[in-house]
Amino acid sequence: MQTRKLLLAVLLLGAGLTLLSASYAQTPTPTAPDVGRRAGNAAEPTPQLTNADGSCTYAWAFDIQSTEAACPAAEAETVEAVFQPFQYGFMVWTEPNDTIYVLHHTAAQPRWVAAQDAYVSGMPERDNDWPEAQPPQTNQPRLGFGVLWRQNDDIRERIGWAVQTWETVYEARLQSGADGTIYIEEPGGGVLALLPGAQDWKLYTTD
């Protein structure tokens, strides 16, 4: 995402995290990691995620003992991220794979969506001729968030308008669980858990 290269200091997680969001759907049964094939090669071996004593091969980056996944799928990364709240949810962009995650407050499925950032340098930041009336104290999202918002009617209607003029650019820790759950640190120091199948997401915050 083309953004101002303003990095905000990441708030350190305090001791202990509290689950804020309610779960609207049952957590899907964990499945084994997908084992892909390369052309002309045998299947790659399944990563060893637990040690002989039952402990995790990789350490959790977050203090979430009630996590849905028993062990992480890999070490955590510290990545550039962008966050913006909307009327009925928020969007988060993460640097690896140039991905935008759209998280909805409403209980309708899917609870979250992942999309490729389609913004390229030279595109207008916003559509100044956008035909829909803008509600008071809201903003049209810009850059990659704006492209996705304008091009996807379902996302736009569900998430509403942005409630901050500018995005928050920050560094986030990013980690995946063995069951496919994606954990993303948010600007306030909390942790977003995006459950497999996009059936639900949770927010863990510091006490």
N, C-alpha and C. Protein backbone atom coordinates (compact mmCIF):
# COMPACT_ATOMS: atom_id res chain seq x y z
N MET A 1 0.85 -1.18 0.00
CA MET A 1 0.00 0.00 0.00
C MET A 1 0.88 1.22 0.00
N GLN A 2 0.51 2.17 -0.89
CA GLN A 2 1.24 3.42 -0.94
C GLN A 2 0.76 4.29 0.20
N THR A 3 1.56 4.50 1.21
CA THR A 3 1.17 5.29 2.38
C THR A 3 2.31 6.20 2.75
N ARG A 4 2.00 7.19 3.55
CA ARG A 4 3.08 7.98 4.14
C ARG A 4 3.90 7.07 5.02
N LYS A 5 5.17 7.15 4.90
CA LYS A 5 6.05 6.25 5.65
C LYS A 5 6.24 6.78 7.07
N LEU A 6 5.12 6.89 7.75
CA LEU A 6 5.13 7.34 9.14
C LEU A 6 4.89 6.12 10.00
N LEU A 7 5.86 5.72 10.76
CA LEU A 7 5.73 4.54 11.59
C LEU A 7 5.45 4.97 13.02
N LEU A 8 4.37 4.46 13.55
CA LEU A 8 4.02 4.76 14.93
C LEU A 8 4.57 3.68 15.83
N ALA A 9 5.01 4.08 17.01
CA ALA A 9 5.57 3.10 17.96
C ALA A 9 4.50 2.13 18.36
N VAL A 10 4.83 0.86 18.35
CA VAL A 10 3.87 -0.19 18.73
C VAL A 10 3.80 -0.27 20.24
N LEU A 11 2.59 -0.25 20.77
CA LEU A 11 2.43 -0.37 22.22
C LEU A 11 2.72 -1.79 22.64
N LEU A 12 3.52 -1.95 23.68
CA LEU A 12 3.85 -3.27 24.16
C LEU A 12 2.64 -3.88 24.84
N LEU A 13 2.46 -5.16 24.65
CA LEU A 13 1.34 -5.85 25.28
C LEU A 13 1.58 -5.95 26.77
N GLY A 14 0.57 -5.66 27.55
CA GLY A 14 0.69 -5.81 29.00
C GLY A 14 0.54 -7.26 29.39
N ALA A 15 0.71 -7.50 30.65
CA ALA A 15 0.60 -8.87 31.13
C ALA A 15 -0.86 -9.27 31.13
N GLY A 16 -1.17 -10.33 30.39
CA GLY A 16 -2.53 -10.84 30.34
C GLY A 16 -3.35 -10.10 29.30
N LEU A 17 -4.22 -10.84 28.63
CA LEU A 17 -5.06 -10.24 27.61
C LEU A 17 -6.50 -10.65 27.87
N THR A 18 -7.42 -9.77 27.54
CA THR A 18 -8.83 -10.02 27.80
C THR A 18 -9.58 -10.08 26.49
N LEU A 19 -10.42 -11.08 26.33
CA LEU A 19 -11.22 -11.22 25.13
C LEU A 19 -12.40 -10.27 25.19
N LEU A 20 -12.52 -9.37 24.16
CA LEU A 20 -13.60 -8.41 24.15
C LEU A 20 -14.77 -8.86 23.28
N SER A 21 -14.48 -9.26 22.03
CA SER A 21 -15.57 -9.52 21.11
C SER A 21 -16.24 -10.86 21.41
N ALA A 22 -17.54 -10.89 21.21
CA ALA A 22 -18.27 -12.13 21.41
C ALA A 22 -18.15 -12.99 20.17
N SER A 23 -18.16 -14.30 20.35
CA SER A 23 -18.09 -15.22 19.22
C SER A 23 -19.49 -15.42 18.67
N TYR A 24 -19.67 -15.23 17.35
CA TYR A 24 -20.98 -15.37 16.73
C TYR A 24 -21.16 -16.74 16.10
N ALA A 25 -20.09 -17.52 16.00
CA ALA A 25 -20.20 -18.83 15.39
C ALA A 25 -19.22 -19.77 16.07
N GLN A 26 -19.51 -21.05 15.98
CA GLN A 26 -18.61 -22.02 16.58
C GLN A 26 -17.29 -22.02 15.84
N THR A 27 -16.21 -22.21 16.60
CA THR A 27 -14.90 -22.31 15.97
C THR A 27 -14.83 -23.58 15.15
N PRO A 28 -14.44 -23.51 13.87
CA PRO A 28 -14.36 -24.72 13.06
C PRO A 28 -13.36 -25.71 13.63
N THR A 29 -13.60 -26.99 13.33
CA THR A 29 -12.67 -28.01 13.78
C THR A 29 -11.32 -27.80 13.13
N PRO A 30 -10.24 -27.72 13.91
CA PRO A 30 -8.92 -27.50 13.32
C PRO A 30 -8.57 -28.56 12.30
N THR A 31 -7.92 -28.15 11.23
CA THR A 31 -7.50 -29.08 10.19
C THR A 31 -5.98 -29.03 10.08
N ALA A 32 -5.43 -30.11 9.53
CA ALA A 32 -3.98 -30.17 9.38
C ALA A 32 -3.53 -29.15 8.35
N PRO A 33 -2.31 -28.62 8.51
CA PRO A 33 -1.81 -27.67 7.52
C PRO A 33 -1.79 -28.28 6.13
N ASP A 34 -2.09 -27.46 5.12
CA ASP A 34 -2.10 -27.92 3.74
C ASP A 34 -0.68 -28.27 3.32
N VAL A 35 -0.52 -29.43 2.70
CA VAL A 35 0.78 -29.85 2.22
C VAL A 35 0.77 -29.76 0.70
N GLY A 36 1.43 -28.73 0.17
CA GLY A 36 1.40 -28.52 -1.28
C GLY A 36 2.41 -29.38 -2.00
N ARG A 37 2.32 -29.39 -3.33
CA ARG A 37 3.26 -30.12 -4.17
C ARG A 37 3.92 -29.15 -5.13
N ARG A 38 5.20 -29.33 -5.33
CA ARG A 38 5.91 -28.58 -6.34
C ARG A 38 6.02 -29.45 -7.58
N ALA A 39 6.03 -28.81 -8.72
CA ALA A 39 6.08 -29.55 -9.99
C ALA A 39 7.30 -30.47 -10.01
N GLY A 40 7.03 -31.76 -10.23
CA GLY A 40 8.11 -32.73 -10.35
C GLY A 40 8.67 -33.20 -9.03
N ASN A 41 8.15 -32.72 -7.92
CA ASN A 41 8.66 -33.11 -6.62
C ASN A 41 7.61 -33.83 -5.81
N ALA A 42 8.05 -34.60 -4.83
CA ALA A 42 7.12 -35.25 -3.93
C ALA A 42 6.55 -34.22 -2.97
N ALA A 43 5.49 -34.60 -2.26
CA ALA A 43 4.87 -33.70 -1.31
C ALA A 43 5.87 -33.26 -0.27
N GLU A 44 5.80 -31.98 0.10
CA GLU A 44 6.69 -31.47 1.13
C GLU A 44 6.30 -32.06 2.48
N PRO A 45 7.25 -32.30 3.36
CA PRO A 45 6.91 -32.87 4.67
C PRO A 45 6.09 -31.89 5.50
N THR A 46 5.20 -32.44 6.32
CA THR A 46 4.41 -31.61 7.22
C THR A 46 5.32 -30.98 8.27
N PRO A 47 5.24 -29.66 8.49
CA PRO A 47 6.10 -29.02 9.48
C PRO A 47 5.90 -29.64 10.87
N GLN A 48 6.98 -29.80 11.60
CA GLN A 48 6.91 -30.34 12.96
C GLN A 48 6.59 -29.18 13.90
N LEU A 49 5.37 -29.17 14.44
CA LEU A 49 4.93 -28.04 15.24
C LEU A 49 5.01 -28.30 16.74
N THR A 50 5.27 -29.55 17.13
CA THR A 50 5.42 -29.86 18.56
C THR A 50 6.69 -30.65 18.78
N ASN A 51 7.27 -30.48 19.95
CA ASN A 51 8.47 -31.23 20.32
C ASN A 51 8.07 -32.55 20.97
N ALA A 52 9.07 -33.36 21.25
CA ALA A 52 8.80 -34.67 21.84
C ALA A 52 8.08 -34.56 23.18
N ASP A 53 8.34 -33.49 23.92
CA ASP A 53 7.70 -33.33 25.22
C ASP A 53 6.33 -32.66 25.13
N GLY A 54 5.86 -32.43 23.90
CA GLY A 54 4.54 -31.83 23.71
C GLY A 54 4.55 -30.32 23.63
N SER A 55 5.68 -29.69 23.87
CA SER A 55 5.76 -28.24 23.78
C SER A 55 5.79 -27.80 22.32
N CYS A 56 5.46 -26.55 22.08
CA CYS A 56 5.42 -26.02 20.72
C CYS A 56 6.83 -25.80 20.18
N THR A 57 7.01 -26.10 18.91
CA THR A 57 8.30 -25.86 18.26
C THR A 57 8.59 -24.36 18.19
N TYR A 58 7.56 -23.57 17.89
CA TYR A 58 7.70 -22.12 17.79
C TYR A 58 7.00 -21.47 18.99
N ALA A 59 7.53 -20.33 19.41
CA ALA A 59 6.96 -19.64 20.55
C ALA A 59 5.85 -18.69 20.11
N TRP A 60 4.82 -18.58 20.94
CA TRP A 60 3.78 -17.59 20.70
C TRP A 60 4.34 -16.20 20.96
N ALA A 61 4.00 -15.26 20.08
CA ALA A 61 4.43 -13.87 20.26
C ALA A 61 3.51 -13.13 21.21
N PHE A 62 2.33 -13.69 21.46
CA PHE A 62 1.32 -13.00 22.25
C PHE A 62 0.96 -13.81 23.49
N ASP A 63 0.58 -13.11 24.53
CA ASP A 63 0.22 -13.75 25.79
C ASP A 63 -1.26 -14.13 25.76
N ILE A 64 -1.59 -15.07 24.90
CA ILE A 64 -2.97 -15.54 24.77
C ILE A 64 -2.97 -17.03 25.05
N GLN A 65 -3.22 -17.39 26.28
CA GLN A 65 -3.17 -18.80 26.65
C GLN A 65 -4.41 -19.56 26.17
N SER A 66 -5.52 -18.84 25.93
CA SER A 66 -6.75 -19.50 25.50
C SER A 66 -6.89 -19.47 23.99
N THR A 67 -5.75 -19.42 23.29
CA THR A 67 -5.78 -19.34 21.84
C THR A 67 -6.43 -20.58 21.23
N GLU A 68 -7.07 -20.39 20.07
CA GLU A 68 -7.76 -21.49 19.41
C GLU A 68 -6.78 -22.55 18.89
N ALA A 69 -5.63 -22.10 18.42
CA ALA A 69 -4.62 -23.02 17.90
C ALA A 69 -3.71 -23.48 19.02
N ALA A 70 -3.39 -24.77 19.04
CA ALA A 70 -2.54 -25.29 20.11
C ALA A 70 -1.12 -24.75 20.00
N CYS A 71 -0.61 -24.62 18.78
CA CYS A 71 0.76 -24.16 18.57
C CYS A 71 0.82 -23.23 17.36
N PRO A 72 1.81 -22.35 17.32
CA PRO A 72 2.00 -21.51 16.13
C PRO A 72 2.49 -22.35 14.95
N ALA A 73 2.19 -21.88 13.74
CA ALA A 73 2.68 -22.56 12.53
C ALA A 73 4.08 -22.11 12.18
N ALA A 74 4.51 -20.95 12.71
CA ALA A 74 5.84 -20.42 12.42
C ALA A 74 6.15 -19.32 13.43
N GLU A 75 7.37 -18.82 13.37
CA GLU A 75 7.73 -17.69 14.22
C GLU A 75 6.95 -16.45 13.80
N ALA A 76 6.73 -15.54 14.72
CA ALA A 76 6.05 -14.28 14.42
C ALA A 76 6.96 -13.38 13.59
N GLU A 77 6.31 -12.53 12.76
CA GLU A 77 7.03 -11.52 11.99
C GLU A 77 6.62 -10.14 12.49
N THR A 78 7.52 -9.19 12.39
CA THR A 78 7.17 -7.79 12.62
C THR A 78 7.10 -7.13 11.26
N VAL A 79 5.91 -6.61 10.92
CA VAL A 79 5.66 -6.13 9.56
C VAL A 79 5.07 -4.73 9.60
N GLU A 80 5.14 -4.03 8.48
CA GLU A 80 4.45 -2.76 8.35
C GLU A 80 2.96 -3.05 8.21
N ALA A 81 2.14 -2.24 8.88
CA ALA A 81 0.69 -2.45 8.83
C ALA A 81 -0.02 -1.10 8.80
N VAL A 82 -1.27 -1.13 8.36
CA VAL A 82 -2.11 0.07 8.31
C VAL A 82 -3.49 -0.31 8.85
N PHE A 83 -4.05 0.56 9.67
CA PHE A 83 -5.33 0.29 10.34
C PHE A 83 -6.25 1.49 10.16
N GLN A 84 -7.54 1.23 9.90
CA GLN A 84 -8.53 2.31 9.86
C GLN A 84 -9.89 1.80 10.32
N PRO A 85 -10.51 2.48 11.29
CA PRO A 85 -11.85 2.09 11.74
C PRO A 85 -12.93 2.65 10.81
N PHE A 86 -14.01 1.91 10.70
CA PHE A 86 -15.18 2.30 9.91
C PHE A 86 -16.41 2.29 10.81
N GLN A 87 -17.55 2.69 10.25
CA GLN A 87 -18.78 2.73 11.04
C GLN A 87 -19.13 1.36 11.59
N TYR A 88 -18.92 0.31 10.81
CA TYR A 88 -19.36 -1.02 11.22
C TYR A 88 -18.25 -2.06 11.07
N GLY A 89 -17.03 -1.65 11.39
CA GLY A 89 -15.92 -2.58 11.30
C GLY A 89 -14.62 -1.83 11.11
N PHE A 90 -13.63 -2.50 10.59
CA PHE A 90 -12.38 -1.81 10.28
C PHE A 90 -11.59 -2.63 9.26
N MET A 91 -10.59 -1.97 8.68
CA MET A 91 -9.71 -2.60 7.71
C MET A 91 -8.29 -2.58 8.25
N VAL A 92 -7.56 -3.65 7.94
CA VAL A 92 -6.15 -3.76 8.31
C VAL A 92 -5.38 -4.23 7.09
N TRP A 93 -4.30 -3.53 6.77
CA TRP A 93 -3.40 -3.96 5.69
C TRP A 93 -2.11 -4.44 6.31
N THR A 94 -1.58 -5.57 5.80
CA THR A 94 -0.28 -6.05 6.25
C THR A 94 0.63 -6.22 5.05
N GLU A 95 1.90 -5.95 5.28
CA GLU A 95 2.89 -5.92 4.20
C GLU A 95 3.07 -7.26 3.50
N PRO A 96 3.21 -8.38 4.20
CA PRO A 96 3.39 -9.64 3.47
C PRO A 96 2.20 -9.94 2.57
N ASN A 97 2.46 -10.19 1.32
CA ASN A 97 1.42 -10.50 0.32
C ASN A 97 0.51 -9.33 0.01
N ASP A 98 0.80 -8.14 0.59
CA ASP A 98 0.04 -6.93 0.24
C ASP A 98 -1.47 -7.18 0.41
N THR A 99 -1.86 -7.62 1.62
CA THR A 99 -3.23 -8.08 1.87
C THR A 99 -4.01 -7.10 2.74
N ILE A 100 -5.28 -6.88 2.38
CA ILE A 100 -6.21 -6.08 3.19
C ILE A 100 -7.19 -7.04 3.84
N TYR A 101 -7.33 -6.93 5.17
CA TYR A 101 -8.32 -7.71 5.91
C TYR A 101 -9.46 -6.77 6.29
N VAL A 102 -10.68 -7.17 5.95
CA VAL A 102 -11.88 -6.40 6.28
C VAL A 102 -12.62 -7.15 7.38
N LEU A 103 -12.78 -6.54 8.55
CA LEU A 103 -13.44 -7.18 9.68
C LEU A 103 -14.76 -6.47 9.95
N HIS A 104 -15.84 -7.25 9.97
CA HIS A 104 -17.18 -6.70 10.14
C HIS A 104 -17.67 -6.87 11.57
N HIS A 105 -18.37 -5.84 12.08
CA HIS A 105 -18.98 -5.92 13.40
C HIS A 105 -20.27 -6.74 13.38
N THR A 106 -20.96 -6.77 12.25
CA THR A 106 -22.23 -7.49 12.17
C THR A 106 -22.00 -8.99 12.18
N ALA A 107 -23.05 -9.74 12.57
CA ALA A 107 -22.92 -11.19 12.72
C ALA A 107 -23.06 -11.95 11.41
N ALA A 108 -23.43 -11.27 10.33
CA ALA A 108 -23.61 -11.95 9.05
C ALA A 108 -22.28 -12.56 8.58
N GLN A 109 -22.39 -13.64 7.82
CA GLN A 109 -21.20 -14.30 7.28
C GLN A 109 -20.87 -13.73 5.90
N PRO A 110 -19.58 -13.66 5.55
CA PRO A 110 -18.44 -13.96 6.40
C PRO A 110 -18.14 -12.82 7.37
N ARG A 111 -17.57 -13.15 8.53
CA ARG A 111 -17.22 -12.12 9.51
C ARG A 111 -16.03 -11.30 9.08
N TRP A 112 -15.12 -11.89 8.28
CA TRP A 112 -13.98 -11.15 7.77
C TRP A 112 -13.65 -11.61 6.36
N VAL A 113 -12.99 -10.72 5.63
CA VAL A 113 -12.63 -10.98 4.23
C VAL A 113 -11.19 -10.56 4.02
N ALA A 114 -10.45 -11.33 3.25
CA ALA A 114 -9.08 -10.96 2.85
C ALA A 114 -9.08 -10.66 1.36
N ALA A 115 -8.45 -9.55 0.98
CA ALA A 115 -8.41 -9.14 -0.42
C ALA A 115 -7.04 -8.57 -0.76
N GLN A 116 -6.67 -8.69 -2.02
CA GLN A 116 -5.41 -8.12 -2.48
C GLN A 116 -5.53 -6.61 -2.60
N ASP A 117 -4.50 -5.91 -2.19
CA ASP A 117 -4.47 -4.45 -2.34
C ASP A 117 -4.30 -4.11 -3.81
N ALA A 118 -5.30 -3.45 -4.41
CA ALA A 118 -5.29 -3.15 -5.84
C ALA A 118 -4.78 -1.75 -6.16
N TYR A 119 -4.42 -0.98 -5.14
CA TYR A 119 -3.95 0.39 -5.40
C TYR A 119 -2.54 0.37 -5.97
N VAL A 120 -2.31 1.17 -7.02
CA VAL A 120 -0.98 1.33 -7.59
C VAL A 120 -0.66 2.81 -7.66
N SER A 121 0.61 3.11 -7.61
CA SER A 121 1.05 4.50 -7.65
C SER A 121 0.51 5.21 -8.89
N GLY A 122 0.01 6.41 -8.70
CA GLY A 122 -0.56 7.18 -9.80
C GLY A 122 -2.07 7.23 -9.78
N MET A 123 -2.69 6.27 -9.08
CA MET A 123 -4.15 6.31 -8.93
C MET A 123 -4.53 7.48 -8.01
N PRO A 124 -5.72 8.07 -8.21
CA PRO A 124 -6.16 9.10 -7.26
C PRO A 124 -6.38 8.49 -5.89
N GLU A 125 -6.08 9.27 -4.83
CA GLU A 125 -6.25 8.75 -3.48
C GLU A 125 -7.71 8.49 -3.17
N ARG A 126 -8.59 9.37 -3.61
CA ARG A 126 -10.04 9.23 -3.39
C ARG A 126 -10.78 9.56 -4.68
N ASP A 127 -12.06 9.22 -4.72
CA ASP A 127 -12.92 9.60 -5.84
C ASP A 127 -13.72 10.83 -5.40
N ASN A 128 -13.29 11.99 -5.86
CA ASN A 128 -13.95 13.23 -5.45
C ASN A 128 -15.33 13.40 -6.06
N ASP A 129 -15.67 12.56 -7.04
CA ASP A 129 -17.00 12.61 -7.67
C ASP A 129 -17.88 11.46 -7.23
N TRP A 130 -17.54 10.85 -6.10
CA TRP A 130 -18.31 9.71 -5.62
C TRP A 130 -19.77 10.13 -5.43
N PRO A 131 -20.72 9.37 -6.02
CA PRO A 131 -22.12 9.83 -6.07
C PRO A 131 -22.90 9.72 -4.76
N GLU A 132 -22.47 8.85 -3.84
CA GLU A 132 -23.25 8.64 -2.63
C GLU A 132 -23.00 9.77 -1.62
N ALA A 133 -24.06 10.14 -0.91
CA ALA A 133 -23.95 11.20 0.10
C ALA A 133 -23.12 10.70 1.27
N GLN A 134 -22.21 11.53 1.73
CA GLN A 134 -21.33 11.17 2.83
C GLN A 134 -21.97 11.53 4.16
N PRO A 135 -22.16 10.56 5.08
CA PRO A 135 -22.74 10.87 6.38
C PRO A 135 -21.86 11.85 7.16
N PRO A 136 -22.45 12.61 8.08
CA PRO A 136 -21.65 13.56 8.89
C PRO A 136 -20.56 12.84 9.68
N GLN A 137 -19.43 13.50 9.82
CA GLN A 137 -18.30 13.02 10.62
C GLN A 137 -17.77 11.67 10.13
N THR A 138 -17.85 11.44 8.83
CA THR A 138 -17.25 10.25 8.24
C THR A 138 -16.36 10.68 7.08
N ASN A 139 -15.61 9.74 6.57
CA ASN A 139 -14.67 10.04 5.50
C ASN A 139 -14.67 8.91 4.47
N GLN A 140 -14.42 9.28 3.23
CA GLN A 140 -14.23 8.28 2.20
C GLN A 140 -12.82 7.70 2.37
N PRO A 141 -12.67 6.39 2.48
CA PRO A 141 -11.32 5.83 2.62
C PRO A 141 -10.50 6.08 1.37
N ARG A 142 -9.19 6.08 1.55
CA ARG A 142 -8.31 6.39 0.43
C ARG A 142 -7.33 5.26 0.15
N LEU A 143 -6.55 5.44 -0.91
CA LEU A 143 -5.52 4.49 -1.30
C LEU A 143 -6.10 3.07 -1.44
N GLY A 144 -5.41 2.05 -0.94
CA GLY A 144 -5.88 0.68 -1.13
C GLY A 144 -7.20 0.39 -0.47
N PHE A 145 -7.41 0.95 0.73
CA PHE A 145 -8.70 0.77 1.39
C PHE A 145 -9.82 1.37 0.53
N GLY A 146 -9.54 2.54 -0.05
CA GLY A 146 -10.55 3.21 -0.87
C GLY A 146 -10.89 2.46 -2.14
N VAL A 147 -9.87 1.89 -2.80
CA VAL A 147 -10.13 1.13 -4.03
C VAL A 147 -11.03 -0.06 -3.72
N LEU A 148 -10.70 -0.82 -2.68
CA LEU A 148 -11.52 -1.98 -2.31
C LEU A 148 -12.93 -1.54 -1.92
N TRP A 149 -13.04 -0.47 -1.15
CA TRP A 149 -14.33 0.03 -0.67
C TRP A 149 -15.23 0.46 -1.84
N ARG A 150 -14.64 1.13 -2.83
CA ARG A 150 -15.44 1.61 -3.96
C ARG A 150 -15.81 0.49 -4.93
N GLN A 151 -14.94 -0.49 -5.07
CA GLN A 151 -15.17 -1.53 -6.08
C GLN A 151 -16.01 -2.70 -5.57
N ASN A 152 -16.13 -2.85 -4.27
CA ASN A 152 -16.86 -3.99 -3.72
C ASN A 152 -18.11 -3.49 -2.99
N ASP A 153 -19.27 -3.64 -3.62
CA ASP A 153 -20.51 -3.12 -3.05
C ASP A 153 -20.84 -3.78 -1.71
N ASP A 154 -20.61 -5.09 -1.60
CA ASP A 154 -20.97 -5.79 -0.37
C ASP A 154 -20.15 -5.30 0.80
N ILE A 155 -18.85 -5.15 0.59
CA ILE A 155 -17.98 -4.65 1.66
C ILE A 155 -18.39 -3.23 2.04
N ARG A 156 -18.60 -2.37 1.05
CA ARG A 156 -18.94 -0.97 1.33
C ARG A 156 -20.26 -0.85 2.10
N GLU A 157 -21.25 -1.63 1.71
CA GLU A 157 -22.55 -1.54 2.38
C GLU A 157 -22.50 -2.09 3.80
N ARG A 158 -21.67 -3.10 4.03
CA ARG A 158 -21.59 -3.69 5.36
C ARG A 158 -20.75 -2.88 6.32
N ILE A 159 -19.64 -2.33 5.84
CA ILE A 159 -18.69 -1.69 6.75
C ILE A 159 -18.94 -0.19 6.91
N GLY A 160 -19.67 0.42 5.98
CA GLY A 160 -19.97 1.84 6.08
C GLY A 160 -18.78 2.70 5.69
N TRP A 161 -18.77 3.93 6.19
CA TRP A 161 -17.74 4.90 5.86
C TRP A 161 -16.66 4.91 6.94
N ALA A 162 -15.47 5.39 6.57
CA ALA A 162 -14.39 5.51 7.53
C ALA A 162 -14.73 6.59 8.55
N VAL A 163 -14.31 6.38 9.79
CA VAL A 163 -14.60 7.36 10.85
C VAL A 163 -13.34 8.10 11.29
N GLN A 164 -12.24 7.85 10.61
CA GLN A 164 -11.02 8.64 10.80
C GLN A 164 -10.57 9.15 9.44
N THR A 165 -10.06 10.38 9.42
CA THR A 165 -9.63 10.97 8.15
C THR A 165 -8.44 10.23 7.56
N TRP A 166 -7.51 9.85 8.42
CA TRP A 166 -6.29 9.21 7.96
C TRP A 166 -6.16 7.81 8.57
N GLU A 167 -5.42 6.97 7.85
CA GLU A 167 -5.12 5.65 8.36
C GLU A 167 -4.03 5.75 9.43
N THR A 168 -3.96 4.75 10.28
CA THR A 168 -2.86 4.64 11.25
C THR A 168 -1.83 3.68 10.69
N VAL A 169 -0.61 4.18 10.49
CA VAL A 169 0.49 3.36 9.99
C VAL A 169 1.34 2.94 11.20
N TYR A 170 1.64 1.68 11.31
CA TYR A 170 2.36 1.20 12.50
C TYR A 170 3.07 -0.10 12.17
N GLU A 171 3.86 -0.59 13.11
CA GLU A 171 4.48 -1.90 12.99
C GLU A 171 3.69 -2.89 13.82
N ALA A 172 3.41 -4.05 13.23
CA ALA A 172 2.58 -5.05 13.90
C ALA A 172 3.30 -6.40 13.91
N ARG A 173 3.05 -7.14 14.96
CA ARG A 173 3.49 -8.53 14.97
C ARG A 173 2.40 -9.38 14.33
N LEU A 174 2.82 -10.31 13.49
CA LEU A 174 1.92 -11.14 12.70
C LEU A 174 2.32 -12.59 12.87
N GLN A 175 1.35 -13.45 13.18
CA GLN A 175 1.65 -14.86 13.39
C GLN A 175 0.43 -15.71 13.05
N SER A 176 0.67 -16.91 12.54
CA SER A 176 -0.41 -17.83 12.20
C SER A 176 -0.37 -19.04 13.12
N GLY A 177 -1.55 -19.56 13.45
CA GLY A 177 -1.65 -20.77 14.24
C GLY A 177 -1.66 -22.01 13.37
N ALA A 178 -1.44 -23.15 13.97
CA ALA A 178 -1.42 -24.41 13.23
C ALA A 178 -2.76 -24.71 12.57
N ASP A 179 -3.85 -24.15 13.12
CA ASP A 179 -5.17 -24.40 12.55
C ASP A 179 -5.54 -23.38 11.47
N GLY A 180 -4.64 -22.43 11.17
CA GLY A 180 -4.93 -21.42 10.16
C GLY A 180 -5.40 -20.09 10.72
N THR A 181 -5.57 -19.98 12.04
CA THR A 181 -5.95 -18.70 12.63
C THR A 181 -4.83 -17.69 12.40
N ILE A 182 -5.20 -16.46 12.01
CA ILE A 182 -4.24 -15.39 11.76
C ILE A 182 -4.30 -14.42 12.93
N TYR A 183 -3.16 -14.12 13.52
CA TYR A 183 -3.07 -13.20 14.65
C TYR A 183 -2.35 -11.93 14.19
N ILE A 184 -3.01 -10.78 14.34
CA ILE A 184 -2.44 -9.50 13.93
C ILE A 184 -2.52 -8.53 15.10
N GLU A 185 -1.40 -7.92 15.43
CA GLU A 185 -1.40 -6.90 16.47
C GLU A 185 -2.06 -5.63 15.93
N GLU A 186 -2.91 -5.00 16.74
CA GLU A 186 -3.56 -3.76 16.30
C GLU A 186 -2.90 -2.57 16.98
N PRO A 187 -3.16 -1.34 16.51
CA PRO A 187 -2.38 -0.19 16.99
C PRO A 187 -2.44 0.05 18.49
N GLY A 188 -3.55 -0.33 19.14
CA GLY A 188 -3.68 -0.11 20.57
C GLY A 188 -2.99 -1.14 21.42
N GLY A 189 -2.31 -2.12 20.81
CA GLY A 189 -1.62 -3.14 21.56
C GLY A 189 -2.41 -4.42 21.71
N GLY A 190 -3.65 -4.44 21.25
CA GLY A 190 -4.45 -5.66 21.30
C GLY A 190 -4.06 -6.61 20.19
N VAL A 191 -4.71 -7.77 20.16
CA VAL A 191 -4.42 -8.79 19.16
C VAL A 191 -5.72 -9.23 18.51
N LEU A 192 -5.76 -9.16 17.19
CA LEU A 192 -6.89 -9.64 16.41
C LEU A 192 -6.65 -11.09 16.06
N ALA A 193 -7.64 -11.95 16.28
CA ALA A 193 -7.55 -13.35 15.91
C ALA A 193 -8.60 -13.62 14.84
N LEU A 194 -8.16 -13.89 13.61
CA LEU A 194 -9.06 -14.16 12.49
C LEU A 194 -9.17 -15.66 12.34
N LEU A 195 -10.33 -16.21 12.68
CA LEU A 195 -10.50 -17.65 12.73
C LEU A 195 -10.65 -18.24 11.33
N PRO A 196 -10.28 -19.51 11.17
CA PRO A 196 -10.34 -20.16 9.85
C PRO A 196 -11.74 -20.13 9.27
N GLY A 197 -11.82 -20.07 7.94
CA GLY A 197 -13.10 -20.08 7.26
C GLY A 197 -13.84 -18.77 7.31
N ALA A 198 -13.23 -17.74 7.89
CA ALA A 198 -13.83 -16.40 7.99
C ALA A 198 -15.15 -16.40 8.75
N GLN A 199 -15.35 -17.41 9.62
CA GLN A 199 -16.60 -17.52 10.35
C GLN A 199 -16.67 -16.58 11.54
N ASP A 200 -15.52 -16.12 12.03
CA ASP A 200 -15.53 -15.25 13.20
C ASP A 200 -14.17 -14.60 13.36
N TRP A 201 -14.11 -13.55 14.18
CA TRP A 201 -12.84 -12.96 14.60
C TRP A 201 -13.01 -12.51 16.03
N LYS A 202 -11.88 -12.36 16.72
CA LYS A 202 -11.90 -11.95 18.12
C LYS A 202 -10.84 -10.88 18.33
N LEU A 203 -11.06 -10.06 19.35
CA LEU A 203 -10.10 -9.05 19.73
C LEU A 203 -9.70 -9.26 21.18
N TYR A 204 -8.42 -9.50 21.40
CA TYR A 204 -7.88 -9.62 22.74
C TYR A 204 -7.18 -8.30 23.07
N THR A 205 -7.49 -7.72 24.23
CA THR A 205 -6.88 -6.44 24.61
C THR A 205 -6.17 -6.57 25.94
N THR A 206 -5.24 -5.65 26.17
CA THR A 206 -4.52 -5.64 27.43
C THR A 206 -5.47 -5.23 28.54
N ASP A 207 -5.25 -5.75 29.73
CA ASP A 207 -6.08 -5.40 30.88
C ASP A 207 -5.84 -3.97 31.30
